[in-house]
Amino acid sequence: MIASATHPDPPPKPKLWGGRFAAEPAPEMDRLNRSLPVDLRLWREDVAGSQAWASAIAAAGVLTHAEWLRLQAGLDAVAARLEGWTADDWRAAHDEDVHSLVERLLYEEAGDVAGKLHTGRSRNDQVATDSRLWALGAVARLDAAVRELQRALLEQAEAHRGTVMPSYTHMQRAQPVSAAHWFLSHAWPLARDRERLGQARDRVAVLPLGSGAVAGCPFPVDRVLLKETLGFHAVSRNSIDAVADRDWVAELLFVGAAVGMHLSRLAEDLVVFGSQEWGFVRFSDRFSTGSSLMPQKRNPDAMELARGKAGRLIGNLTGILTVLKGLPSGYNKDLQEDKEALFDTFDTLQALLPAVAGTVRTLELNAERCAAAVDAGMLATDLADFLVRRGMPFREAHGAVGRLVRTAEETGCSVDELDRAIFLEVSPHFADADLAHLFSPAASLAARAGIGGTAPDAVREQIAALRQVL
């Protein structure tokens, strides 16, 4: 068929490779090799990287000014088209990956000059650049979501400075603390996560573009200018390493797993505290679910999902480390597996963190139930501390108070209900002791006034420090 002047035949679909092959890939191979369903979200980064690369090779003399203008305009048109694509459009695209898609559309918009864009560039350094660009934006979004949860914890801490509750070790009641101190105990791990995220971001912001497939670029592109154009902080120092480096992926997945682990620990506390047996907290209707069978149920599903998804996040980290551990140097197709884990971790946390923050922000703390759970036995350490202040070595004081506790258990009463005579049998130092003060939870809190303690002033300092971190 001869093409007419008004309806020319469309240009053949460009290929990024295949000239040395006599046959098309088998459908089974194409299905396995095709990554567009995963990496399609990198199209904005691919366009931005391509525009920066077009400028770099134009400055290196590969493109004329007119060609550079056509490529830039063509890439703008590609971006505008993709911005308007629907889910049906994406399903209809059968390109191998996002790079093939962008180049195909660029041919349609700019013509044959599109074939010059890939000069000196490989998909190896291209995908590494796209992924890092995407990660820089994702890190900022994740940091903001973690910060919101910290704010929710801080708000609750400020509201409950005067609420006393039990602390736990080995899931046994330990010592009284302020509820504010407990809320803050979950905010500080998130501060460490944000520190790690910031440190990881610095290692993400290393430009691999210009490394080619493995040996570098043979054209005099200005990689420092590329770095500045794309917003990276440094330029990779070794082209072999640059195209294969996914340490930064593993590092981000570790931070994601750590965030997930910390969310899971918070969730476990709240699931327990929210049970009828504890009754310390009540979850908002907006962040609870019901039972399909039992009308009375109020389920803390957001918290349970936080526990469950921690396993998913840890699995993503384990998966990428397993992929990386056996690779030889240079790029290998195994590295195509990095993006699914990376995207899934960030998607999971972006869905999870707002729900956890909302649960924390809207929960109601039952101060009476918390205070009622603080019994005299939890002040045994305060009795030992009293004896230490009277000159008794701590180990002896520990043993003396232990005998008081045993006596109370044997007589079926609380330690504070024992006769003073029994206290005097254990130690004469109790002769002039103000036992009511020794068994005061408020006095116990006030005594722990050092940095990081649960005393009101120490908690006030914590709140101020956390507010500064935020």
Foldseek 3Di string as FASTA:
>chain_A
DQADPVGGDDDPQDDPDDPVPPDDDDPVVLVVQACAVQQVVLLVLLLLLLLLLLVQVVVLVLDPPVLNVLQNVLSVVLVVVVVPDDPVNSVPDSDRHSNSVSLRSSCVRRNPSSVSSCAQADVLLSVLRSVLLVVLVLLVVLLVLLVLLLVLLLVVLVVFLPFKFFDDDPNDGAAIFTVSLVSVVLNVLSLVLNVLSVVLNLVSLERLTQLHQANGGPTPGDVVVSSVSSVGDYYDDHSQCSSADPVSLLSVLVSLLSVLVSLLVVLVVVQVCCDPVQVFKDWDPVQWDADPPDRVDTHNVLSVVSNVCSVVSVVLSVVVCVLPPPDDIGDDSSCSVSSVSSVVSSVVSSVNSVSSSNRSNGMDGDSVSRVVNRAQVSLLVLQLVLVVVVPDPSVLSNVLSVVLCVVCVVVVHGSLPDDVVSVVVSPVSSVPDPSVLSSDSLNVQCVQQDQSGRRSVNSVVSSVVSVVSD
